[in-house]
C-alpha cells in the first residue's frame, strides 16, 4: 500500500522529497504529494518508509 501525505498537515519543509528512493514525492500547489504508482513504502531500500521517518509533523506521511 503506498503512502500519502496529509496536505492539511504538510508544512512544505521538503524533508521527505530527497529521502524517497523512488522519486515518488514532489511539490504540488505549495504542499508535497506522493505518486502512488511510484511509492513502494521504501521496500527493498529501507525497513520503514523514509517520508514518515523524516517528517517533522507526526502522522502526516501515512499508509494510503
PDB file of N, CA and C in Angstrom:
ATOM      1  N   UNK A   1       0.850  -1.175   0.000  1.00  0.00           N
ATOM      2  CA  UNK A   1       0.000   0.000   0.000  1.00  0.00           C
ATOM      3  C   UNK A   1       0.896   1.238   0.000  1.00  0.00           C
ATOM      4  N   UNK A   2       0.711   2.146  -0.953  1.00  0.00           N
ATOM      5  CA  UNK A   2       1.545   3.350  -0.980  1.00  0.00           C
ATOM      6  C   UNK A   2       1.230   4.282   0.180  1.00  0.00           C
ATOM      7  N   UNK A   3       2.156   5.172   0.444  1.00  0.00           N
ATOM      8  CA  UNK A   3       1.946   6.182   1.473  1.00  0.00           C
ATOM      9  C   UNK A   3       1.325   7.417   0.835  1.00  0.00           C
ATOM     10  N   UNK A   4       0.735   8.262   1.668  1.00  0.00           N
ATOM     11  CA  UNK A   4       0.207   9.542   1.212  1.00  0.00           C
ATOM     12  C   UNK A   4       0.575  10.599   2.236  1.00  0.00           C
ATOM     13  N   UNK A   5       0.547  11.842   1.796  1.00  0.00           N
ATOM     14  CA  UNK A   5       0.837  12.978   2.671  1.00  0.00           C
ATOM     15  C   UNK A   5      -0.468  13.712   2.923  1.00  0.00           C
ATOM     16  N   UNK A   6      -0.783  13.932   4.192  1.00  0.00           N
ATOM     17  CA  UNK A   6      -1.980  14.682   4.563  1.00  0.00           C
ATOM     18  C   UNK A   6      -1.685  16.160   4.285  1.00  0.00           C
ATOM     19  N   UNK A   7      -2.277  16.689   3.220  1.00  0.00           N
ATOM     20  CA  UNK A   7      -1.976  18.045   2.758  1.00  0.00           C
ATOM     21  C   UNK A   7      -2.211  19.103   3.830  1.00  0.00           C
ATOM     22  N   UNK A   8      -3.248  18.959   4.608  1.00  0.00           N
ATOM     23  CA  UNK A   8      -3.562  19.967   5.622  1.00  0.00           C
ATOM     24  C   UNK A   8      -2.542  20.001   6.750  1.00  0.00           C
ATOM     25  N   UNK A   9      -1.738  18.960   6.880  1.00  0.00           N
ATOM     26  CA  UNK A   9      -0.712  18.905   7.926  1.00  0.00           C
ATOM     27  C   UNK A   9       0.685  19.194   7.394  1.00  0.00           C
ATOM     28  N   UNK A  10       0.859  19.124   6.075  1.00  0.00           N
ATOM     29  CA  UNK A  10       2.175  19.307   5.467  1.00  0.00           C
ATOM     30  C   UNK A  10       2.630  20.755   5.621  1.00  0.00           C
ATOM     31  N   UNK A  11       3.842  20.932   6.130  1.00  0.00           N
ATOM     32  CA  UNK A  11       4.390  22.271   6.324  1.00  0.00           C
ATOM     33  C   UNK A  11       5.275  22.695   5.152  1.00  0.00           C
ATOM     34  N   UNK A  12       5.364  21.866   4.137  1.00  0.00           N
ATOM     35  CA  UNK A  12       6.178  22.128   2.947  1.00  0.00           C
ATOM     36  C   UNK A  12       7.650  22.302   3.283  1.00  0.00           C
ATOM     37  N   UNK A  13       8.115  21.583   4.278  1.00  0.00           N
ATOM     38  CA  UNK A  13       9.516  21.694   4.686  1.00  0.00           C
ATOM     39  C   UNK A  13      10.454  21.011   3.691  1.00  0.00           C
ATOM     40  N   UNK A  14       9.940  20.108   2.881  1.00  0.00           N
ATOM     41  CA  UNK A  14      10.659  19.365   1.844  1.00  0.00           C
ATOM     42  C   UNK A  14      11.630  18.315   2.377  1.00  0.00           C
ATOM     43  N   UNK A  15      11.544  17.967   3.639  1.00  0.00           N
ATOM     44  CA  UNK A  15      12.447  16.965   4.216  1.00  0.00           C
ATOM     45  C   UNK A  15      12.253  15.595   3.564  1.00  0.00           C
ATOM     46  N   UNK A  16      11.043  15.303   3.153  1.00  0.00           N
ATOM     47  CA  UNK A  16      10.725  13.984   2.610  1.00  0.00           C
ATOM     48  C   UNK A  16      11.219  13.786   1.176  1.00  0.00           C
ATOM     49  N   UNK A  17      11.183  14.827   0.388  1.00  0.00           N
ATOM     50  CA  UNK A  17      11.464  14.703  -1.052  1.00  0.00           C
ATOM     51  C   UNK A  17      12.815  14.047  -1.363  1.00  0.00           C
ATOM     52  N   UNK A  18      13.912  14.519  -0.809  1.00  0.00           N
ATOM     53  CA  UNK A  18      15.197  13.889  -1.154  1.00  0.00           C
ATOM     54  C   UNK A  18      15.399  12.501  -0.536  1.00  0.00           C
ATOM     55  N   UNK A  19      14.581  12.136   0.433  1.00  0.00           N
ATOM     56  CA  UNK A  19      14.729  10.839   1.097  1.00  0.00           C
ATOM     57  C   UNK A  19      14.068   9.693   0.333  1.00  0.00           C
ATOM     58  N   UNK A  20      13.188  10.002  -0.595  1.00  0.00           N
ATOM     59  CA  UNK A  20      12.438   8.969  -1.320  1.00  0.00           C
ATOM     60  C   UNK A  20      13.329   8.292  -2.358  1.00  0.00           C
ATOM     61  N   UNK A  21      13.583   6.988  -2.197  1.00  0.00           N
ATOM     62  CA  UNK A  21      14.458   6.287  -3.149  1.00  0.00           C
ATOM     63  C   UNK A  21      13.800   6.060  -4.510  1.00  0.00           C
ATOM     64  N   UNK A  22      12.498   6.260  -4.604  1.00  0.00           N
ATOM     65  CA  UNK A  22      11.777   6.039  -5.853  1.00  0.00           C
ATOM     66  C   UNK A  22      11.379   7.335  -6.561  1.00  0.00           C
ATOM     67  N   UNK A  23      11.820   8.461  -6.029  1.00  0.00           N
ATOM     68  CA  UNK A  23      11.488   9.780  -6.574  1.00  0.00           C
ATOM     69  C   UNK A  23       9.974   9.903  -6.762  1.00  0.00           C
ATOM     70  N   UNK A  24       9.233   9.478  -5.746  1.00  0.00           N
ATOM     71  CA  UNK A  24       7.768   9.488  -5.795  1.00  0.00           C
ATOM     72  C   UNK A  24       7.163  10.735  -5.162  1.00  0.00           C
ATOM     73  N   UNK A  25       7.985  11.580  -4.550  1.00  0.00           N
ATOM     74  CA  UNK A  25       7.468  12.757  -3.843  1.00  0.00           C
ATOM     75  C   UNK A  25       7.837  14.018  -4.620  1.00  0.00           C
ATOM     76  N   UNK A  26       6.835  14.889  -4.780  1.00  0.00           N
ATOM     77  CA  UNK A  26       7.075  16.158  -5.472  1.00  0.00           C
ATOM     78  C   UNK A  26       6.183  17.236  -4.875  1.00  0.00           C
ATOM     79  N   UNK A  27       6.549  18.484  -5.143  1.00  0.00           N
ATOM     80  CA  UNK A  27       5.735  19.589  -4.674  1.00  0.00           C
ATOM     81  C   UNK A  27       4.600  19.827  -5.658  1.00  0.00           C
ATOM     82  N   UNK A  28       3.443  20.124  -5.117  1.00  0.00           N
ATOM     83  CA  UNK A  28       2.283  20.441  -5.955  1.00  0.00           C
ATOM     84  C   UNK A  28       1.396  21.412  -5.187  1.00  0.00           C
ATOM     85  N   UNK A  29       1.271  22.608  -5.705  1.00  0.00           N
ATOM     86  CA  UNK A  29       0.393  23.601  -5.085  1.00  0.00           C
ATOM     87  C   UNK A  29       0.792  24.029  -3.689  1.00  0.00           C
ATOM     88  N   UNK A  30       2.082  24.099  -3.422  1.00  0.00           N
ATOM     89  CA  UNK A  30       2.550  24.562  -2.118  1.00  0.00           C
ATOM     90  C   UNK A  30       2.648  23.489  -1.049  1.00  0.00           C
ATOM     91  N   UNK A  31       2.357  22.254  -1.393  1.00  0.00           N
ATOM     92  CA  UNK A  31       2.497  21.145  -0.454  1.00  0.00           C
ATOM     93  C   UNK A  31       3.137  19.986  -1.220  1.00  0.00           C
ATOM     94  N   UNK A  32       3.451  18.928  -0.533  1.00  0.00           N
ATOM     95  CA  UNK A  32       4.082  17.788  -1.188  1.00  0.00           C
ATOM     96  C   UNK A  32       3.088  16.641  -1.322  1.00  0.00           C
ATOM     97  N   UNK A  33       3.242  15.894  -2.408  1.00  0.00           N
ATOM     98  CA  UNK A  33       2.368  14.758  -2.688  1.00  0.00           C
ATOM     99  C   UNK A  33       3.230  13.548  -3.049  1.00  0.00           C
ATOM    100  N   UNK A  34       2.659  12.371  -2.856  1.00  0.00           N
ATOM    101  CA  UNK A  34       3.336  11.126  -3.193  1.00  0.00           C
ATOM    102  C   UNK A  34       2.597  10.479  -4.357  1.00  0.00           C
ATOM    103  N   UNK A  35       3.336  10.132  -5.399  1.00  0.00           N
ATOM    104  CA  UNK A  35       2.759   9.439  -6.554  1.00  0.00           C
ATOM    105  C   UNK A  35       2.552   7.981  -6.153  1.00  0.00           C
ATOM    106  N   UNK A  36       1.295   7.529  -6.023  1.00  0.00           N
ATOM    107  CA  UNK A  36       1.047   6.157  -5.565  1.00  0.00           C
ATOM    108  C   UNK A  36       1.571   5.088  -6.520  1.00  0.00           C
ATOM    109  N   UNK A  37       1.765   5.448  -7.780  1.00  0.00           N
ATOM    110  CA  UNK A  37       2.293   4.492  -8.761  1.00  0.00           C
ATOM    111  C   UNK A  37       3.782   4.240  -8.572  1.00  0.00           C
ATOM    112  N   UNK A  38       4.471   5.198  -7.955  1.00  0.00           N
ATOM    113  CA  UNK A  38       5.918   5.070  -7.729  1.00  0.00           C
ATOM    114  C   UNK A  38       6.268   4.620  -6.310  1.00  0.00           C
ATOM    115  N   UNK A  39       5.366   4.859  -5.353  1.00  0.00           N
ATOM    116  CA  UNK A  39       5.649   4.556  -3.950  1.00  0.00           C
ATOM    117  C   UNK A  39       5.636   3.053  -3.691  1.00  0.00           C
ATOM    118  N   UNK A  40       6.717   2.576  -3.078  1.00  0.00           N
ATOM    119  CA  UNK A  40       6.824   1.157  -2.700  1.00  0.00           C
ATOM    120  C   UNK A  40       6.984   1.006  -1.195  1.00  0.00           C
ATOM    121  N   UNK A  41       6.714   2.084  -0.441  1.00  0.00           N
ATOM    122  CA  UNK A  41       6.943   2.110   1.007  1.00  0.00           C
ATOM    123  C   UNK A  41       8.407   1.866   1.333  1.00  0.00           C
ATOM    124  N   UNK A  42       9.271   2.189   0.392  1.00  0.00           N
ATOM    125  CA  UNK A  42      10.729   2.036   0.511  1.00  0.00           C
ATOM    126  C   UNK A  42      11.167   0.569   0.562  1.00  0.00           C
ATOM    127  N   UNK A  43      10.254  -0.324   0.208  1.00  0.00           N
ATOM    128  CA  UNK A  43      10.573  -1.755   0.212  1.00  0.00           C
ATOM    129  C   UNK A  43      11.751  -2.020  -0.712  1.00  0.00           C
ATOM    130  N   UNK A  44      12.692  -2.795  -0.202  1.00  0.00           N
ATOM    131  CA  UNK A  44      13.898  -3.094  -0.953  1.00  0.00           C
ATOM    132  C   UNK A  44      15.011  -2.089  -0.718  1.00  0.00           C
ATOM    133  N   UNK A  45      14.681  -0.979  -0.056  1.00  0.00           N
ATOM    134  CA  UNK A  45      15.675   0.054   0.237  1.00  0.00           C
ATOM    135  C   UNK A  45      15.852   0.248   1.739  1.00  0.00           C
ATOM    136  N   UNK A  46      14.725   0.359   2.454  1.00  0.00           N
ATOM    137  CA  UNK A  46      14.733   0.620   3.892  1.00  0.00           C
ATOM    138  C   UNK A  46      13.668  -0.242   4.571  1.00  0.00           C
ATOM    139  N   UNK A  47      13.785  -0.401   5.876  1.00  0.00           N
ATOM    140  CA  UNK A  47      12.802  -1.181   6.631  1.00  0.00           C
ATOM    141  C   UNK A  47      11.512  -0.412   6.882  1.00  0.00           C
ATOM    142  N   UNK A  48      11.585   0.902   6.874  1.00  0.00           N
ATOM    143  CA  UNK A  48      10.405   1.739   7.091  1.00  0.00           C
ATOM    144  C   UNK A  48      10.354   2.838   6.036  1.00  0.00           C
ATOM    145  N   UNK A  49       9.162   3.357   5.788  1.00  0.00           N
ATOM    146  CA  UNK A  49       9.000   4.431   4.809  1.00  0.00           C
ATOM    147  C   UNK A  49       9.743   5.674   5.293  1.00  0.00           C
ATOM    148  N   UNK A  50      10.681   6.134   4.507  1.00  0.00           N
ATOM    149  CA  UNK A  50      11.532   7.241   4.917  1.00  0.00           C
ATOM    150  C   UNK A  50      10.799   8.570   5.013  1.00  0.00           C
ATOM    151  N   UNK A  51       9.737   8.756   4.231  1.00  0.00           N
ATOM    152  CA  UNK A  51       8.975  10.004   4.346  1.00  0.00           C
ATOM    153  C   UNK A  51       8.398  10.144   5.748  1.00  0.00           C
ATOM    154  N   UNK A  52       7.903   9.043   6.288  1.00  0.00           N
ATOM    155  CA  UNK A  52       7.333   9.066   7.637  1.00  0.00           C
ATOM    156  C   UNK A  52       8.412   9.245   8.693  1.00  0.00           C
ATOM    157  N   UNK A  53       9.585   8.698   8.442  1.00  0.00           N
ATOM    158  CA  UNK A  53      10.691   8.796   9.404  1.00  0.00           C
ATOM    159  C   UNK A  53      11.195  10.235   9.519  1.00  0.00           C
ATOM    160  N   UNK A  54      11.336  10.932   8.388  1.00  0.00           N
ATOM    161  CA  UNK A  54      11.931  12.272   8.422  1.00  0.00           C
ATOM    162  C   UNK A  54      10.928  13.403   8.594  1.00  0.00           C
ATOM    163  N   UNK A  55       9.650  13.134   8.418  1.00  0.00           N
ATOM    164  CA  UNK A  55       8.647  14.193   8.533  1.00  0.00           C
ATOM    165  C   UNK A  55       8.589  14.729   9.968  1.00  0.00           C
ATOM    166  N   UNK A  56       8.701  16.065  10.110  1.00  0.00           N
ATOM    167  CA  UNK A  56       8.670  16.638  11.457  1.00  0.00           C
ATOM    168  C   UNK A  56       7.278  16.704  12.090  1.00  0.00           C
ATOM    169  N   UNK A  57       6.232  16.469  11.297  1.00  0.00           N
ATOM    170  CA  UNK A  57       4.858  16.524  11.805  1.00  0.00           C
ATOM    171  C   UNK A  57       4.329  15.092  11.909  1.00  0.00           C
ATOM    172  N   UNK A  58       4.096  14.615  13.112  1.00  0.00           N
ATOM    173  CA  UNK A  58       3.617  13.228  13.291  1.00  0.00           C
ATOM    174  C   UNK A  58       2.347  12.932  12.495  1.00  0.00           C
ATOM    175  N   UNK A  59       2.295  11.725  11.964  1.00  0.00           N
ATOM    176  CA  UNK A  59       1.131  11.226  11.231  1.00  0.00           C
ATOM    177  C   UNK A  59       0.747  12.059  10.022  1.00  0.00           C
ATOM    178  N   UNK A  60       1.746  12.620   9.344  1.00  0.00           N
ATOM    179  CA  UNK A  60       1.485  13.347   8.110  1.00  0.00           C
ATOM    180  C   UNK A  60       1.743  12.462   6.899  1.00  0.00           C
ATOM    181  N   UNK A  61       2.760  11.626   6.946  1.00  0.00           N
ATOM    182  CA  UNK A  61       3.017  10.625   5.898  1.00  0.00           C
ATOM    183  C   UNK A  61       2.489   9.301   6.446  1.00  0.00           C
ATOM    184  N   UNK A  62       1.399   8.844   5.849  1.00  0.00           N
ATOM    185  CA  UNK A  62       0.710   7.655   6.362  1.00  0.00           C
ATOM    186  C   UNK A  62       0.375   6.692   5.222  1.00  0.00           C
ATOM    187  N   UNK A  63       0.131   5.415   5.554  1.00  0.00           N
ATOM    188  CA  UNK A  63      -0.312   4.493   4.506  1.00  0.00           C
ATOM    189  C   UNK A  63      -1.642   4.958   3.922  1.00  0.00           C
ATOM    190  N   UNK A  64      -1.755   4.874   2.614  1.00  0.00           N
ATOM    191  CA  UNK A  64      -2.987   5.320   1.931  1.00  0.00           C
ATOM    192  C   UNK A  64      -4.136   4.379   2.209  1.00  0.00           C
TER     193      UNK A  64
END
